[in-house]
Amino acid sequence: MKKRIVLILFLLFFASKLTAQIPTNILKLFPQGTVINANIPYAADTLVKHTLDIYAPSNNGKKVPLVIWIHGGGWRQGDKYGDMENMKKTINAIVANGFAVASINYRFSTTKIFPAQIQDCNQAIDFLYKNADKYLLDKDNIAVIGFSAGGYLASLIGTSNNNKINAFYFNNKQPGFKIKGVIDCYGPTDFIARIGSMALDEGEQKSTSTALLGAQPLLRPDLAKIASSTTYVDKNDPPFLIFHGDKDQTVPITLSKLLDSYLKLANVPSEFVIVRDAPHGGPLFNSEDVKNKIILFLKTNLK
């Protein structure tokens, strides 16, 4: 009896260590019984920006499909808890429906310019792919979801994955994982097209795009093209689900429609959903309709 009590206390202590650094408001978003592995380093270094968390359903030892969660913040702020509270219905439903969520940190443009951000995301996914057995993940069923700057990274991961762009991967070596679906929430998709929404005198010079690329897209259209997810669209891309608010004044809705059009021209399954009266993110994306579309998309494409 005493041994059993000691074991229970140890397990409770161990569980508290795993979740100690996750904010309480984030822990409350997940279904009861969610298995959490926190602050896992994915790049064999000590950078906080090279860590991820895994939230998995209680699955009785069975491997589950994986959804990569990529936060927004203009590539210069935010963390792996970002956008969760704005999407509380969705993130709860993802885990409740038998999918694991891996939320990832990545380096900011204030520390390292592009392509560091896409390299980090791909390295994180590669780590999860290689350690799938350890964390009971189905490495052959991986989707990505991102918001704003994270939506951009999700779309770039999806369109470039089959193009062998070595610069997008750590050590210029492309890993073996494949992406089965992309959910892009109001991410900028084409840096050349985005210029049209900015004033040439100050807007572009001070934009997050300029900070990301290390140069104004108008002066370095070659860099802007390399960094745009629309550049890599082809018939072999995974299915896309794209959300954008029609009151977004940060990222023009036309950029999401442009990506959707490129995908459809390439015969890639793509659904473009306009969220009525929604600005750039926010609680209007935390709706039953958005949640249901995302769950249906995941169930359809992660089999």
C-alpha atoms as a PDB file:
ATOM      1  CA  MET A   1       0.000   0.000   0.000  1.00  0.00           C
ATOM      2  CA  LYS A   2       2.809   2.385   0.953  1.00  0.00           C
ATOM      3  CA  LYS A   3       4.629   1.610  -2.297  1.00  0.00           C
ATOM      4  CA  ARG A   4       1.474   2.404  -4.257  1.00  0.00           C
ATOM      5  CA  ILE A   5       1.082   5.765  -2.483  1.00  0.00           C
ATOM      6  CA  VAL A   6       4.728   6.610  -3.141  1.00  0.00           C
ATOM      7  CA  LEU A   7       4.293   5.717  -6.818  1.00  0.00           C
ATOM      8  CA  ILE A   8       1.190   7.889  -7.127  1.00  0.00           C
ATOM      9  CA  LEU A   9       2.962  10.828  -5.465  1.00  0.00           C
ATOM     10  CA  PHE A  10       5.926  10.390  -7.803  1.00  0.00           C
ATOM     11  CA  LEU A  11       3.703  10.349 -10.859  1.00  0.00           C
ATOM     12  CA  LEU A  12       1.878  13.462  -9.696  1.00  0.00           C
ATOM     13  CA  PHE A  13       5.202  15.197  -9.057  1.00  0.00           C
ATOM     14  CA  PHE A  14       6.516  14.149 -12.452  1.00  0.00           C
ATOM     15  CA  ALA A  15       3.357  15.350 -14.196  1.00  0.00           C
ATOM     16  CA  SER A  16       3.565  18.702 -12.423  1.00  0.00           C
ATOM     17  CA  LYS A  17       7.144  19.113 -13.645  1.00  0.00           C
ATOM     18  CA  LEU A  18       6.065  18.476 -17.221  1.00  0.00           C
ATOM     19  CA  THR A  19       3.362  21.138 -17.099  1.00  0.00           C
ATOM     20  CA  ALA A  20       4.858  23.571 -14.578  1.00  0.00           C
ATOM     21  CA  GLN A  21       5.926  26.102 -17.173  1.00  0.00           C
ATOM     22  CA  ILE A  22       2.704  26.005 -19.184  1.00  0.00           C
ATOM     23  CA  PRO A  23       0.354  28.843 -18.153  1.00  0.00           C
ATOM     24  CA  THR A  24      -2.774  27.722 -16.318  1.00  0.00           C
ATOM     25  CA  ASN A  25      -5.024  29.448 -18.835  1.00  0.00           C
ATOM     26  CA  ILE A  26      -3.480  27.323 -21.585  1.00  0.00           C
ATOM     27  CA  LEU A  27      -3.767  24.061 -19.650  1.00  0.00           C
ATOM     28  CA  LYS A  28      -7.491  24.717 -19.192  1.00  0.00           C
ATOM     29  CA  LEU A  29      -8.030  24.770 -22.949  1.00  0.00           C
ATOM     30  CA  PHE A  30      -7.400  21.043 -23.370  1.00  0.00           C
ATOM     31  CA  PRO A  31      -9.669  18.084 -22.608  1.00  0.00           C
ATOM     32  CA  GLN A  32      -9.280  16.297 -19.311  1.00  0.00           C
ATOM     33  CA  GLY A  33      -6.711  13.527 -19.595  1.00  0.00           C
ATOM     34  CA  THR A  34      -4.594  15.260 -22.245  1.00  0.00           C
ATOM     35  CA  VAL A  35      -1.026  13.928 -22.133  1.00  0.00           C
ATOM     36  CA  ILE A  36       1.415  16.844 -22.111  1.00  0.00           C
ATOM     37  CA  ASN A  37       5.131  16.914 -22.856  1.00  0.00           C
ATOM     38  CA  ALA A  38       6.434  20.448 -22.379  1.00  0.00           C
ATOM     39  CA  ASN A  39       9.491  22.428 -23.432  1.00  0.00           C
ATOM     40  CA  ILE A  40      11.089  19.743 -25.556  1.00  0.00           C
ATOM     41  CA  PRO A  41      14.270  20.941 -27.311  1.00  0.00           C
ATOM     42  CA  TYR A  42      14.123  20.084 -30.991  1.00  0.00           C
ATOM     43  CA  ALA A  43      17.431  21.467 -32.263  1.00  0.00           C
ATOM     44  CA  ALA A  44      20.035  20.023 -29.858  1.00  0.00           C
ATOM     45  CA  ASP A  45      20.707  23.421 -28.287  1.00  0.00           C
ATOM     46  CA  THR A  46      19.475  25.469 -25.330  1.00  0.00           C
ATOM     47  CA  LEU A  47      17.531  28.166 -27.195  1.00  0.00           C
ATOM     48  CA  VAL A  48      14.029  28.726 -25.828  1.00  0.00           C
ATOM     49  CA  LYS A  49      13.016  29.469 -29.405  1.00  0.00           C
ATOM     50  CA  HIS A  50      14.014  25.915 -30.291  1.00  0.00           C
ATOM     51  CA  THR A  51      11.480  24.206 -28.035  1.00  0.00           C
ATOM     52  CA  LEU A  52       8.040  22.695 -28.532  1.00  0.00           C
ATOM     53  CA  ASP A  53       5.141  21.274 -26.529  1.00  0.00           C
ATOM     54  CA  ILE A  54       3.075  18.190 -27.352  1.00  0.00           C
ATOM     55  CA  TYR A  55      -0.572  17.874 -26.300  1.00  0.00           C
ATOM     56  CA  ALA A  56      -1.873  14.391 -27.047  1.00  0.00           C
ATOM     57  CA  PRO A  57      -5.122  12.560 -26.366  1.00  0.00           C
ATOM     58  CA  SER A  58      -5.149   9.672 -23.935  1.00  0.00           C
ATOM     59  CA  ASN A  59      -4.911   6.925 -26.542  1.00  0.00           C
ATOM     60  CA  ASN A  60      -4.112   3.664 -24.753  1.00  0.00           C
ATOM     61  CA  GLY A  61      -0.753   3.295 -26.453  1.00  0.00           C
ATOM     62  CA  LYS A  62      -1.953   3.910 -30.004  1.00  0.00           C
ATOM     63  CA  LYS A  63      -0.210   6.330 -32.348  1.00  0.00           C
ATOM     64  CA  VAL A  64      -2.224   9.400 -33.326  1.00  0.00           C
ATOM     65  CA  PRO A  65      -2.089  11.872 -36.234  1.00  0.00           C
ATOM     66  CA  LEU A  66      -0.214  15.112 -35.570  1.00  0.00           C
ATOM     67  CA  VAL A  67      -1.155  18.754 -36.054  1.00  0.00           C
ATOM     68  CA  ILE A  68       1.691  21.299 -35.948  1.00  0.00           C
ATOM     69  CA  TRP A  69       0.564  24.593 -34.336  1.00  0.00           C
ATOM     70  CA  ILE A  70       2.495  27.701 -35.514  1.00  0.00           C
ATOM     71  CA  HIS A  71       1.862  30.988 -33.716  1.00  0.00           C
ATOM     72  CA  GLY A  72       1.658  34.448 -35.236  1.00  0.00           C
ATOM     73  CA  GLY A  73       3.228  37.737 -34.179  1.00  0.00           C
ATOM     74  CA  GLY A  74       4.756  39.326 -37.258  1.00  0.00           C
ATOM     75  CA  TRP A  75       7.790  37.014 -37.008  1.00  0.00           C
ATOM     76  CA  ARG A  76       9.009  39.156 -34.108  1.00  0.00           C
ATOM     77  CA  GLN A  77       6.853  38.338 -31.095  1.00  0.00           C
ATOM     78  CA  GLY A  78       4.676  35.614 -29.572  1.00  0.00           C
ATOM     79  CA  ASP A  79       5.404  32.084 -28.447  1.00  0.00           C
ATOM     80  CA  LYS A  80       4.151  28.510 -28.662  1.00  0.00           C
ATOM     81  CA  TYR A  81       1.042  29.385 -26.631  1.00  0.00           C
ATOM     82  CA  GLY A  82       0.074  32.036 -29.147  1.00  0.00           C
ATOM     83  CA  ASP A  83      -3.404  32.054 -30.757  1.00  0.00           C
ATOM     84  CA  MET A  84      -4.639  29.216 -28.551  1.00  0.00           C
ATOM     85  CA  GLU A  85      -7.100  31.253 -26.513  1.00  0.00           C
ATOM     86  CA  ASN A  86      -8.514  32.855 -29.667  1.00  0.00           C
ATOM     87  CA  MET A  87      -9.085  29.329 -31.004  1.00  0.00           C
ATOM     88  CA  LYS A  88     -10.070  27.585 -27.753  1.00  0.00           C
ATOM     89  CA  LYS A  89     -12.970  25.646 -29.267  1.00  0.00           C
ATOM     90  CA  THR A  90     -10.808  24.422 -32.122  1.00  0.00           C
ATOM     91  CA  ILE A  91      -7.730  23.378 -30.163  1.00  0.00           C
ATOM     92  CA  ASN A  92      -9.869  21.534 -27.617  1.00  0.00           C
ATOM     93  CA  ALA A  93     -11.754  19.766 -30.391  1.00  0.00           C
ATOM     94  CA  ILE A  94      -8.566  18.769 -32.209  1.00  0.00           C
ATOM     95  CA  VAL A  95      -7.302  16.817 -29.199  1.00  0.00           C
ATOM     96  CA  ALA A  96     -10.789  15.561 -28.279  1.00  0.00           C
ATOM     97  CA  ASN A  97     -11.101  14.085 -31.776  1.00  0.00           C
ATOM     98  CA  GLY A  98      -7.941  12.034 -31.429  1.00  0.00           C
ATOM     99  CA  PHE A  99      -5.231  14.293 -32.879  1.00  0.00           C
ATOM    100  CA  ALA A 100      -2.054  15.400 -31.117  1.00  0.00           C
ATOM    101  CA  VAL A 101      -1.013  19.055 -31.239  1.00  0.00           C
ATOM    102  CA  ALA A 102       2.631  20.105 -31.254  1.00  0.00           C
ATOM    103  CA  SER A 103       3.033  23.843 -30.705  1.00  0.00           C
ATOM    104  CA  ILE A 104       6.426  25.181 -31.684  1.00  0.00           C
ATOM    105  CA  ASN A 105       8.662  28.152 -30.998  1.00  0.00           C
ATOM    106  CA  TYR A 106      10.851  29.618 -33.730  1.00  0.00           C
ATOM    107  CA  ARG A 107      13.434  32.382 -33.935  1.00  0.00           C
ATOM    108  CA  PHE A 108      12.272  35.956 -34.540  1.00  0.00           C
ATOM    109  CA  SER A 109      13.340  38.217 -37.402  1.00  0.00           C
ATOM    110  CA  THR A 110      14.873  40.495 -34.748  1.00  0.00           C
ATOM    111  CA  THR A 111      17.412  37.747 -34.077  1.00  0.00           C
ATOM    112  CA  LYS A 112      17.777  36.036 -37.436  1.00  0.00           C
ATOM    113  CA  ILE A 113      16.223  36.937 -40.777  1.00  0.00           C
ATOM    114  CA  PHE A 114      14.615  34.605 -43.290  1.00  0.00           C
ATOM    115  CA  PRO A 115      14.981  31.675 -43.915  1.00  0.00           C
ATOM    116  CA  ALA A 116      15.687  30.977 -40.213  1.00  0.00           C
ATOM    117  CA  GLN A 117      11.968  30.813 -39.386  1.00  0.00           C
ATOM    118  CA  ILE A 118      11.094  28.206 -42.003  1.00  0.00           C
ATOM    119  CA  GLN A 119      14.249  26.268 -41.136  1.00  0.00           C
ATOM    120  CA  ASP A 120      13.157  26.138 -37.485  1.00  0.00           C
ATOM    121  CA  CYS A 121       9.656  24.959 -38.349  1.00  0.00           C
ATOM    122  CA  ASN A 122      10.960  22.247 -40.634  1.00  0.00           C
ATOM    123  CA  GLN A 123      13.529  21.174 -38.048  1.00  0.00           C
ATOM    124  CA  ALA A 124      10.814  20.918 -35.399  1.00  0.00           C
ATOM    125  CA  ILE A 125       8.664  18.766 -37.678  1.00  0.00           C
ATOM    126  CA  ASP A 126      11.675  16.610 -38.535  1.00  0.00           C
ATOM    127  CA  PHE A 127      12.353  16.096 -34.821  1.00  0.00           C
ATOM    128  CA  LEU A 128       8.761  14.970 -34.274  1.00  0.00           C
ATOM    129  CA  TYR A 129       8.938  12.727 -37.336  1.00  0.00           C
ATOM    130  CA  LYS A 130      12.103  11.043 -36.083  1.00  0.00           C
ATOM    131  CA  ASN A 131      10.776  10.710 -32.525  1.00  0.00           C
ATOM    132  CA  ALA A 132       7.266   9.651 -33.477  1.00  0.00           C
ATOM    133  CA  ASP A 133       7.560   6.280 -31.735  1.00  0.00           C
ATOM    134  CA  LYS A 134       8.638   7.900 -28.464  1.00  0.00           C
ATOM    135  CA  TYR A 135       5.671  10.256 -28.376  1.00  0.00           C
ATOM    136  CA  LEU A 136       3.169   7.859 -30.007  1.00  0.00           C
ATOM    137  CA  LEU A 137       2.694   9.998 -33.113  1.00  0.00           C
ATOM    138  CA  ASP A 138       1.696   8.802 -36.558  1.00  0.00           C
ATOM    139  CA  LYS A 139       4.558  10.227 -38.607  1.00  0.00           C
ATOM    140  CA  ASP A 140       2.756   9.542 -41.875  1.00  0.00           C
ATOM    141  CA  ASN A 141      -0.174  11.773 -40.952  1.00  0.00           C
ATOM    142  CA  ILE A 142       1.020  15.312 -40.272  1.00  0.00           C
ATOM    143  CA  ALA A 143      -0.844  18.567 -40.887  1.00  0.00           C
ATOM    144  CA  VAL A 144       0.140  22.168 -40.122  1.00  0.00           C
ATOM    145  CA  ILE A 145      -1.997  25.044 -38.876  1.00  0.00           C
ATOM    146  CA  GLY A 146      -0.770  28.608 -38.488  1.00  0.00           C
ATOM    147  CA  PHE A 147      -2.011  32.098 -37.749  1.00  0.00           C
ATOM    148  CA  SER A 148      -0.886  35.307 -39.451  1.00  0.00           C
ATOM    149  CA  ALA A 149       2.934  35.006 -39.579  1.00  0.00           C
ATOM    150  CA  GLY A 150       2.402  31.387 -38.544  1.00  0.00           C
ATOM    151  CA  GLY A 151      -0.160  30.976 -41.320  1.00  0.00           C
ATOM    152  CA  TYR A 152       2.475  32.147 -43.750  1.00  0.00           C
ATOM    153  CA  LEU A 153       4.948  29.602 -42.386  1.00  0.00           C
ATOM    154  CA  ALA A 154       2.333  26.841 -42.562  1.00  0.00           C
ATOM    155  CA  SER A 155       1.550  27.643 -46.190  1.00  0.00           C
ATOM    156  CA  LEU A 156       5.243  27.851 -47.102  1.00  0.00           C
ATOM    157  CA  ILE A 157       5.906  24.491 -45.440  1.00  0.00           C
ATOM    158  CA  GLY A 158       3.033  23.005 -47.428  1.00  0.00           C
ATOM    159  CA  THR A 159       3.900  24.357 -50.858  1.00  0.00           C
ATOM    160  CA  SER A 160       7.692  23.988 -50.641  1.00  0.00           C
ATOM    161  CA  ASN A 161       7.827  20.525 -49.060  1.00  0.00           C
ATOM    162  CA  ASN A 162       8.033  18.755 -52.428  1.00  0.00           C
ATOM    163  CA  ASN A 163      10.274  21.315 -54.158  1.00  0.00           C
ATOM    164  CA  LYS A 164      13.600  20.426 -52.542  1.00  0.00           C
ATOM    165  CA  ILE A 165      14.548  23.966 -51.493  1.00  0.00           C
ATOM    166  CA  ASN A 166      17.606  23.039 -49.455  1.00  0.00           C
ATOM    167  CA  ALA A 167      17.955  26.516 -47.919  1.00  0.00           C
ATOM    168  CA  PHE A 168      14.663  25.951 -46.074  1.00  0.00           C
ATOM    169  CA  TYR A 169      16.162  23.103 -44.020  1.00  0.00           C
ATOM    170  CA  PHE A 170      18.748  22.840 -41.278  1.00  0.00           C
ATOM    171  CA  ASN A 171      22.158  21.942 -42.737  1.00  0.00           C
ATOM    172  CA  ASN A 172      20.605  22.268 -46.225  1.00  0.00           C
ATOM    173  CA  LYS A 173      19.307  18.721 -45.935  1.00  0.00           C
ATOM    174  CA  GLN A 174      15.653  18.006 -46.610  1.00  0.00           C
ATOM    175  CA  PRO A 175      14.092  15.552 -44.134  1.00  0.00           C
ATOM    176  CA  GLY A 176      11.742  12.736 -45.035  1.00  0.00           C
ATOM    177  CA  PHE A 177       8.434  13.966 -43.626  1.00  0.00           C
ATOM    178  CA  LYS A 178       5.443  14.775 -45.815  1.00  0.00           C
ATOM    179  CA  ILE A 179       2.634  17.210 -45.070  1.00  0.00           C
ATOM    180  CA  LYS A 180      -0.895  15.851 -45.540  1.00  0.00           C
ATOM    181  CA  GLY A 181      -2.819  19.101 -45.027  1.00  0.00           C
ATOM    182  CA  VAL A 182      -2.373  22.843 -44.444  1.00  0.00           C
ATOM    183  CA  ILE A 183      -4.668  25.200 -42.520  1.00  0.00           C
ATOM    184  CA  ASP A 184      -3.661  28.804 -43.179  1.00  0.00           C
ATOM    185  CA  CYS A 185      -5.368  31.457 -41.066  1.00  0.00           C
ATOM    186  CA  TYR A 186      -4.925  34.956 -42.548  1.00  0.00           C
ATOM    187  CA  GLY A 187      -1.245  34.561 -43.406  1.00  0.00           C
ATOM    188  CA  PRO A 188       0.570  36.716 -45.978  1.00  0.00           C
ATOM    189  CA  THR A 189       1.310  34.461 -48.931  1.00  0.00           C
ATOM    190  CA  ASP A 190       2.977  36.672 -51.538  1.00  0.00           C
ATOM    191  CA  PHE A 191       5.359  39.478 -50.582  1.00  0.00           C
ATOM    192  CA  ILE A 192       5.274  41.106 -54.010  1.00  0.00           C
ATOM    193  CA  ALA A 193       1.476  41.276 -53.998  1.00  0.00           C
ATOM    194  CA  ARG A 194       1.535  42.637 -50.441  1.00  0.00           C
ATOM    195  CA  ILE A 195       3.463  45.719 -51.572  1.00  0.00           C
ATOM    196  CA  GLY A 196       0.325  47.059 -53.210  1.00  0.00           C
ATOM    197  CA  SER A 197      -1.257  47.606 -49.789  1.00  0.00           C
ATOM    198  CA  MET A 198       1.618  49.765 -48.489  1.00  0.00           C
ATOM    199  CA  ALA A 199       2.752  53.346 -48.954  1.00  0.00           C
ATOM    200  CA  LEU A 200       6.060  53.407 -50.798  1.00  0.00           C
ATOM    201  CA  ASP A 201       7.571  56.099 -48.591  1.00  0.00           C
ATOM    202  CA  GLU A 202       7.216  54.510 -45.136  1.00  0.00           C
ATOM    203  CA  GLY A 203       4.864  51.534 -45.239  1.00  0.00           C
ATOM    204  CA  GLU A 204       7.161  49.063 -46.924  1.00  0.00           C
ATOM    205  CA  GLN A 205      10.311  50.319 -45.229  1.00  0.00           C
ATOM    206  CA  LYS A 206       8.861  49.665 -41.780  1.00  0.00           C
ATOM    207  CA  SER A 207       6.861  46.553 -42.586  1.00  0.00           C
ATOM    208  CA  THR A 208       7.219  43.186 -40.928  1.00  0.00           C
ATOM    209  CA  SER A 209       7.983  41.798 -44.390  1.00  0.00           C
ATOM    210  CA  THR A 210      11.038  44.028 -44.684  1.00  0.00           C
ATOM    211  CA  ALA A 211      12.182  43.008 -41.198  1.00  0.00           C
ATOM    212  CA  LEU A 212      11.744  39.337 -42.081  1.00  0.00           C
ATOM    213  CA  LEU A 213      13.615  39.485 -45.381  1.00  0.00           C
ATOM    214  CA  GLY A 214      16.248  41.995 -44.294  1.00  0.00           C
ATOM    215  CA  ALA A 215      15.392  44.147 -47.309  1.00  0.00           C
ATOM    216  CA  GLN A 216      12.410  45.902 -48.820  1.00  0.00           C
ATOM    217  CA  PRO A 217      10.523  43.520 -51.117  1.00  0.00           C
ATOM    218  CA  LEU A 218      10.249  46.275 -53.726  1.00  0.00           C
ATOM    219  CA  LEU A 219      14.050  46.589 -53.834  1.00  0.00           C
ATOM    220  CA  ARG A 220      14.691  42.834 -53.587  1.00  0.00           C
ATOM    221  CA  PRO A 221      11.865  41.173 -55.513  1.00  0.00           C
ATOM    222  CA  ASP A 222      14.110  38.139 -55.923  1.00  0.00           C
ATOM    223  CA  LEU A 223      14.120  37.583 -52.144  1.00  0.00           C
ATOM    224  CA  ALA A 224      10.415  38.329 -51.946  1.00  0.00           C
ATOM    225  CA  LYS A 225       9.696  35.680 -54.548  1.00  0.00           C
ATOM    226  CA  ILE A 226      11.895  33.066 -52.851  1.00  0.00           C
ATOM    227  CA  ALA A 227      10.098  33.690 -49.556  1.00  0.00           C
ATOM    228  CA  SER A 228       6.535  33.605 -50.941  1.00  0.00           C
ATOM    229  CA  SER A 229       4.476  30.448 -50.568  1.00  0.00           C
ATOM    230  CA  THR A 230       2.740  31.123 -53.900  1.00  0.00           C
ATOM    231  CA  THR A 231       6.077  30.606 -55.672  1.00  0.00           C
ATOM    232  CA  TYR A 232       6.093  26.872 -54.963  1.00  0.00           C
ATOM    233  CA  VAL A 233       2.512  25.882 -55.715  1.00  0.00           C
ATOM    234  CA  ASP A 234       2.236  22.790 -57.914  1.00  0.00           C
ATOM    235  CA  LYS A 235      -0.067  19.831 -58.424  1.00  0.00           C
ATOM    236  CA  ASN A 236       1.695  17.750 -55.762  1.00  0.00           C
ATOM    237  CA  ASP A 237       0.898  20.089 -52.881  1.00  0.00           C
ATOM    238  CA  PRO A 238      -1.308  18.903 -49.995  1.00  0.00           C
ATOM    239  CA  PRO A 239      -4.905  20.098 -49.567  1.00  0.00           C
ATOM    240  CA  PHE A 240      -5.399  23.579 -48.100  1.00  0.00           C
ATOM    241  CA  LEU A 241      -8.034  25.157 -45.874  1.00  0.00           C
ATOM    242  CA  ILE A 242      -7.697  28.952 -45.780  1.00  0.00           C
ATOM    243  CA  PHE A 243      -9.462  31.389 -43.423  1.00  0.00           C
ATOM    244  CA  HIS A 244      -9.434  35.184 -43.640  1.00  0.00           C
ATOM    245  CA  GLY A 245     -11.532  37.957 -42.124  1.00  0.00           C
ATOM    246  CA  ASP A 246     -13.140  40.435 -44.500  1.00  0.00           C
ATOM    247  CA  LYS A 247     -12.303  43.314 -42.123  1.00  0.00           C
ATOM    248  CA  ASP A 248      -8.599  42.477 -41.895  1.00  0.00           C
ATOM    249  CA  GLN A 249      -6.534  45.669 -42.150  1.00  0.00           C
ATOM    250  CA  THR A 250      -3.193  44.016 -41.413  1.00  0.00           C
ATOM    251  CA  VAL A 251      -2.952  41.325 -44.088  1.00  0.00           C
ATOM    252  CA  PRO A 252      -5.119  41.983 -47.160  1.00  0.00           C
ATOM    253  CA  ILE A 253      -7.688  39.256 -47.773  1.00  0.00           C
ATOM    254  CA  THR A 254      -6.615  39.282 -51.424  1.00  0.00           C
ATOM    255  CA  LEU A 255      -3.401  37.471 -50.440  1.00  0.00           C
ATOM    256  CA  SER A 256      -5.355  34.481 -49.176  1.00  0.00           C
ATOM    257  CA  LYS A 257      -7.539  34.502 -52.262  1.00  0.00           C
ATOM    258  CA  LEU A 258      -4.417  34.662 -54.427  1.00  0.00           C
ATOM    259  CA  LEU A 259      -3.003  31.533 -52.804  1.00  0.00           C
ATOM    260  CA  ASP A 260      -6.359  29.793 -53.134  1.00  0.00           C
ATOM    261  CA  SER A 261      -6.453  30.684 -56.837  1.00  0.00           C
ATOM    262  CA  TYR A 262      -2.940  29.394 -57.466  1.00  0.00           C
ATOM    263  CA  LEU A 263      -3.804  26.136 -55.723  1.00  0.00           C
ATOM    264  CA  LYS A 264      -7.010  25.663 -57.682  1.00  0.00           C
ATOM    265  CA  LEU A 265      -5.196  26.354 -60.960  1.00  0.00           C
ATOM    266  CA  ALA A 266      -2.768  23.583 -60.016  1.00  0.00           C
ATOM    267  CA  ASN A 267      -5.717  21.271 -59.211  1.00  0.00           C
ATOM    268  CA  VAL A 268      -4.835  21.173 -55.527  1.00  0.00           C
ATOM    269  CA  PRO A 269      -7.893  20.836 -53.238  1.00  0.00           C
ATOM    270  CA  SER A 270      -8.370  24.207 -51.550  1.00  0.00           C
ATOM    271  CA  GLU A 271     -11.227  25.784 -49.609  1.00  0.00           C
ATOM    272  CA  PHE A 272     -11.197  29.528 -49.002  1.00  0.00           C
ATOM    273  CA  VAL A 273     -13.426  30.618 -46.107  1.00  0.00           C
ATOM    274  CA  ILE A 274     -14.252  34.285 -45.534  1.00  0.00           C
ATOM    275  CA  VAL A 275     -14.971  35.017 -41.867  1.00  0.00           C
ATOM    276  CA  ARG A 276     -17.519  37.813 -41.963  1.00  0.00           C
ATOM    277  CA  ASP A 277     -16.779  41.012 -39.985  1.00  0.00           C
ATOM    278  CA  ALA A 278     -13.559  39.520 -38.604  1.00  0.00           C
ATOM    279  CA  PRO A 279     -10.405  41.648 -38.302  1.00  0.00           C
ATOM    280  CA  HIS A 280      -6.899  40.213 -38.195  1.00  0.00           C
ATOM    281  CA  GLY A 281      -7.508  37.270 -35.867  1.00  0.00           C
ATOM    282  CA  GLY A 282      -9.624  37.518 -32.745  1.00  0.00           C
ATOM    283  CA  PRO A 283     -12.648  35.782 -31.234  1.00  0.00           C
ATOM    284  CA  LEU A 284     -14.726  35.651 -34.432  1.00  0.00           C
ATOM    285  CA  PHE A 285     -12.451  32.817 -35.550  1.00  0.00           C
ATOM    286  CA  ASN A 286     -13.437  30.900 -32.403  1.00  0.00           C
ATOM    287  CA  SER A 287     -16.764  29.845 -33.879  1.00  0.00           C
ATOM    288  CA  GLU A 288     -18.530  26.522 -34.274  1.00  0.00           C
ATOM    289  CA  ASP A 289     -18.368  26.871 -38.049  1.00  0.00           C
ATOM    290  CA  VAL A 290     -14.602  27.416 -38.117  1.00  0.00           C
ATOM    291  CA  LYS A 291     -14.052  24.599 -35.622  1.00  0.00           C
ATOM    292  CA  ASN A 292     -16.222  22.168 -37.560  1.00  0.00           C
ATOM    293  CA  LYS A 293     -14.515  22.956 -40.863  1.00  0.00           C
ATOM    294  CA  ILE A 294     -11.090  22.376 -39.323  1.00  0.00           C
ATOM    295  CA  ILE A 295     -12.064  19.080 -37.700  1.00  0.00           C
ATOM    296  CA  LEU A 296     -13.662  17.832 -40.922  1.00  0.00           C
ATOM    297  CA  PHE A 297     -10.539  18.848 -42.862  1.00  0.00           C
ATOM    298  CA  LEU A 298      -8.278  16.945 -40.459  1.00  0.00           C
ATOM    299  CA  LYS A 299     -10.471  13.852 -40.417  1.00  0.00           C
ATOM    300  CA  THR A 300     -10.601  13.861 -44.219  1.00  0.00           C
ATOM    301  CA  ASN A 301      -6.885  14.262 -44.832  1.00  0.00           C
ATOM    302  CA  LEU A 302      -5.211  12.560 -41.870  1.00  0.00           C
ATOM    303  CA  LYS A 303      -6.212   8.938 -42.182  1.00  0.00           C
END
